Amino acid sequence: MTKMRAKFLISHIEKREGYITVNAGVTQDGSEENKKINSLQPAGNLNIDIDESSTFAEYLKAGEEFYIDFIKVKK
């Protein structure tokens, strides 16, 4: 396997001094797509810190779902 796509639901965003912390977990709503994805991807949580001045920080909202692609870096 050279790549994997995971789907995460942003559960909470914390504003901190100069950055935000985004907390996300796998989707659990029971839709057919999520059942398929959850059977293929590892379960877990994701926490990332993003500079609050980044335009990417404005793009992320609690309650929204995102795909995250894991692609191995060739050395």
N, C-alpha and C. Protein backbone atom coordinates (compact mmCIF):
# COMPACT_ATOMS: atom_id res chain seq x y z
N MET A 1 0.86 -1.18 0.00
CA MET A 1 0.00 0.00 0.00
C MET A 1 0.90 1.24 0.00
N THR A 2 0.63 2.14 -0.92
CA THR A 2 1.45 3.35 -1.01
C THR A 2 0.77 4.59 -0.45
N LYS A 3 -0.56 4.50 -0.27
CA LYS A 3 -1.26 5.64 0.30
C LYS A 3 -2.54 5.18 0.99
N MET A 4 -3.06 6.04 1.85
CA MET A 4 -4.28 5.74 2.57
C MET A 4 -5.05 7.04 2.76
N ARG A 5 -6.36 6.98 2.60
CA ARG A 5 -7.21 8.15 2.86
C ARG A 5 -8.01 7.88 4.12
N ALA A 6 -7.98 8.84 5.03
CA ALA A 6 -8.76 8.76 6.27
C ALA A 6 -9.76 9.92 6.26
N LYS A 7 -10.82 9.76 7.03
CA LYS A 7 -11.84 10.80 7.12
C LYS A 7 -12.02 11.15 8.59
N PHE A 8 -11.87 12.42 8.91
CA PHE A 8 -11.95 12.88 10.29
C PHE A 8 -13.03 13.94 10.45
N LEU A 9 -13.64 13.95 11.62
CA LEU A 9 -14.62 14.96 12.00
C LEU A 9 -13.96 15.88 13.02
N ILE A 10 -13.95 17.17 12.75
CA ILE A 10 -13.38 18.12 13.71
C ILE A 10 -14.37 18.28 14.86
N SER A 11 -13.95 17.87 16.03
CA SER A 11 -14.83 17.90 17.19
C SER A 11 -14.71 19.20 17.98
N HIS A 12 -13.52 19.79 17.98
CA HIS A 12 -13.30 20.96 18.83
C HIS A 12 -12.09 21.74 18.33
N ILE A 13 -12.19 23.05 18.42
CA ILE A 13 -11.05 23.92 18.10
C ILE A 13 -10.83 24.83 19.30
N GLU A 14 -9.60 24.81 19.82
CA GLU A 14 -9.24 25.67 20.96
C GLU A 14 -8.38 26.82 20.47
N LYS A 15 -8.76 28.03 20.83
CA LYS A 15 -7.93 29.20 20.50
C LYS A 15 -6.94 29.40 21.63
N ARG A 16 -5.68 29.53 21.27
CA ARG A 16 -4.61 29.74 22.23
C ARG A 16 -3.83 30.99 21.83
N GLU A 17 -2.82 31.30 22.56
CA GLU A 17 -2.01 32.49 22.28
C GLU A 17 -1.18 32.27 21.02
N GLY A 18 -1.64 32.83 19.90
CA GLY A 18 -0.89 32.76 18.65
C GLY A 18 -1.19 31.57 17.77
N TYR A 19 -1.97 30.62 18.24
CA TYR A 19 -2.28 29.45 17.42
C TYR A 19 -3.60 28.83 17.87
N ILE A 20 -4.08 27.90 17.05
CA ILE A 20 -5.27 27.13 17.42
C ILE A 20 -4.89 25.65 17.50
N THR A 21 -5.58 24.91 18.34
CA THR A 21 -5.42 23.46 18.40
C THR A 21 -6.70 22.84 17.87
N VAL A 22 -6.55 22.02 16.84
CA VAL A 22 -7.68 21.35 16.21
C VAL A 22 -7.72 19.91 16.70
N ASN A 23 -8.86 19.49 17.24
CA ASN A 23 -9.05 18.12 17.72
C ASN A 23 -10.06 17.44 16.80
N ALA A 24 -9.69 16.27 16.28
CA ALA A 24 -10.56 15.55 15.36
C ALA A 24 -10.50 14.06 15.65
N GLY A 25 -11.54 13.36 15.25
CA GLY A 25 -11.60 11.91 15.39
C GLY A 25 -12.30 11.31 14.19
N VAL A 26 -12.28 9.99 14.10
CA VAL A 26 -12.92 9.34 12.96
C VAL A 26 -14.43 9.58 13.02
N THR A 27 -15.04 9.60 11.86
CA THR A 27 -16.47 9.84 11.76
C THR A 27 -17.24 8.61 12.23
N GLN A 28 -18.35 8.83 12.91
CA GLN A 28 -19.12 7.73 13.49
C GLN A 28 -20.61 7.80 13.18
N ASP A 29 -21.02 8.53 12.15
CA ASP A 29 -22.46 8.75 11.96
C ASP A 29 -23.21 7.57 11.35
N GLY A 30 -22.52 6.53 10.92
CA GLY A 30 -23.19 5.34 10.41
C GLY A 30 -23.57 5.39 8.94
N SER A 31 -23.17 6.45 8.22
CA SER A 31 -23.46 6.50 6.79
C SER A 31 -22.70 5.38 6.08
N GLU A 32 -23.16 4.99 4.91
CA GLU A 32 -22.51 3.91 4.16
C GLU A 32 -21.06 4.25 3.86
N GLU A 33 -20.80 5.50 3.46
CA GLU A 33 -19.41 5.89 3.18
C GLU A 33 -18.55 5.75 4.43
N ASN A 34 -19.05 6.23 5.57
CA ASN A 34 -18.26 6.18 6.80
C ASN A 34 -18.06 4.75 7.28
N LYS A 35 -19.06 3.88 7.11
CA LYS A 35 -18.88 2.46 7.47
C LYS A 35 -17.75 1.86 6.66
N LYS A 36 -17.73 2.14 5.35
CA LYS A 36 -16.68 1.60 4.48
C LYS A 36 -15.31 2.16 4.87
N ILE A 37 -15.23 3.48 5.02
CA ILE A 37 -13.95 4.10 5.36
C ILE A 37 -13.45 3.61 6.71
N ASN A 38 -14.33 3.52 7.70
CA ASN A 38 -13.91 3.10 9.04
C ASN A 38 -13.44 1.66 9.08
N SER A 39 -13.93 0.82 8.16
CA SER A 39 -13.46 -0.57 8.12
C SER A 39 -12.07 -0.67 7.51
N LEU A 40 -11.64 0.36 6.80
CA LEU A 40 -10.35 0.34 6.10
C LEU A 40 -9.27 1.18 6.77
N GLN A 41 -9.65 2.13 7.59
CA GLN A 41 -8.67 3.03 8.19
C GLN A 41 -8.48 2.71 9.67
N PRO A 42 -7.34 3.09 10.20
CA PRO A 42 -7.15 2.93 11.64
C PRO A 42 -8.04 3.91 12.41
N ALA A 43 -8.45 3.50 13.59
CA ALA A 43 -9.24 4.39 14.45
C ALA A 43 -8.28 5.26 15.25
N GLY A 44 -8.74 6.42 15.65
CA GLY A 44 -7.89 7.26 16.48
C GLY A 44 -8.32 8.70 16.47
N ASN A 45 -7.48 9.52 17.05
CA ASN A 45 -7.71 10.95 17.15
C ASN A 45 -6.54 11.69 16.54
N LEU A 46 -6.80 12.90 16.14
CA LEU A 46 -5.78 13.75 15.53
C LEU A 46 -5.84 15.10 16.22
N ASN A 47 -4.70 15.58 16.66
CA ASN A 47 -4.58 16.91 17.26
C ASN A 47 -3.46 17.65 16.55
N ILE A 48 -3.78 18.80 15.99
CA ILE A 48 -2.76 19.58 15.30
C ILE A 48 -2.83 21.04 15.76
N ASP A 49 -1.69 21.68 15.80
CA ASP A 49 -1.59 23.10 16.13
C ASP A 49 -1.31 23.87 14.85
N ILE A 50 -2.02 24.97 14.66
CA ILE A 50 -1.88 25.78 13.46
C ILE A 50 -1.77 27.25 13.87
N ASP A 51 -0.83 27.95 13.26
CA ASP A 51 -0.67 29.39 13.52
C ASP A 51 -2.00 30.09 13.23
N GLU A 52 -2.45 30.91 14.16
CA GLU A 52 -3.76 31.54 14.02
C GLU A 52 -3.83 32.52 12.86
N SER A 53 -2.69 33.00 12.37
CA SER A 53 -2.70 33.94 11.24
C SER A 53 -2.75 33.22 9.89
N SER A 54 -2.64 31.90 9.90
CA SER A 54 -2.69 31.12 8.68
C SER A 54 -4.10 31.13 8.08
N THR A 55 -4.19 31.25 6.76
CA THR A 55 -5.50 31.17 6.12
C THR A 55 -6.10 29.78 6.30
N PHE A 56 -5.27 28.78 6.49
CA PHE A 56 -5.75 27.43 6.73
C PHE A 56 -6.52 27.35 8.05
N ALA A 57 -6.11 28.12 9.04
CA ALA A 57 -6.80 28.12 10.34
C ALA A 57 -8.24 28.60 10.18
N GLU A 58 -8.48 29.53 9.28
CA GLU A 58 -9.83 30.04 9.05
C GLU A 58 -10.70 29.03 8.30
N TYR A 59 -10.09 28.13 7.59
CA TYR A 59 -10.77 27.13 6.76
C TYR A 59 -11.40 26.02 7.60
N LEU A 60 -10.83 25.73 8.75
CA LEU A 60 -11.28 24.62 9.59
C LEU A 60 -12.36 25.06 10.56
N LYS A 61 -13.42 24.29 10.64
CA LYS A 61 -14.55 24.60 11.53
C LYS A 61 -14.98 23.34 12.26
N ALA A 62 -15.32 23.47 13.54
CA ALA A 62 -15.83 22.34 14.31
C ALA A 62 -17.12 21.84 13.68
N GLY A 63 -17.28 20.52 13.65
CA GLY A 63 -18.47 19.90 13.08
C GLY A 63 -18.33 19.53 11.62
N GLU A 64 -17.24 19.94 10.98
CA GLU A 64 -17.02 19.61 9.57
C GLU A 64 -16.12 18.39 9.45
N GLU A 65 -16.29 17.66 8.33
CA GLU A 65 -15.49 16.47 8.07
C GLU A 65 -14.47 16.78 6.99
N PHE A 66 -13.30 16.14 7.10
CA PHE A 66 -12.23 16.33 6.13
C PHE A 66 -11.58 15.00 5.81
N TYR A 67 -11.14 14.86 4.57
CA TYR A 67 -10.31 13.73 4.18
C TYR A 67 -8.86 14.12 4.44
N ILE A 68 -8.08 13.17 4.90
CA ILE A 68 -6.65 13.36 5.08
C ILE A 68 -5.95 12.23 4.35
N ASP A 69 -5.07 12.58 3.43
CA ASP A 69 -4.33 11.58 2.67
C ASP A 69 -2.97 11.35 3.29
N PHE A 70 -2.64 10.08 3.49
CA PHE A 70 -1.33 9.68 3.99
C PHE A 70 -0.59 9.06 2.81
N ILE A 71 0.43 9.75 2.35
CA ILE A 71 1.21 9.29 1.21
C ILE A 71 2.66 9.20 1.66
N LYS A 72 3.24 8.02 1.51
CA LYS A 72 4.61 7.79 1.96
C LYS A 72 5.58 8.67 1.18
N VAL A 73 6.51 9.26 1.90
CA VAL A 73 7.53 10.10 1.30
C VAL A 73 8.65 9.19 0.79
N LYS A 74 8.99 9.36 -0.47
CA LYS A 74 10.10 8.57 -1.03
C LYS A 74 11.41 9.23 -0.66
N LYS A 75 12.35 8.42 -0.24
CA LYS A 75 13.67 8.95 0.15
C LYS A 75 14.66 8.79 -0.96
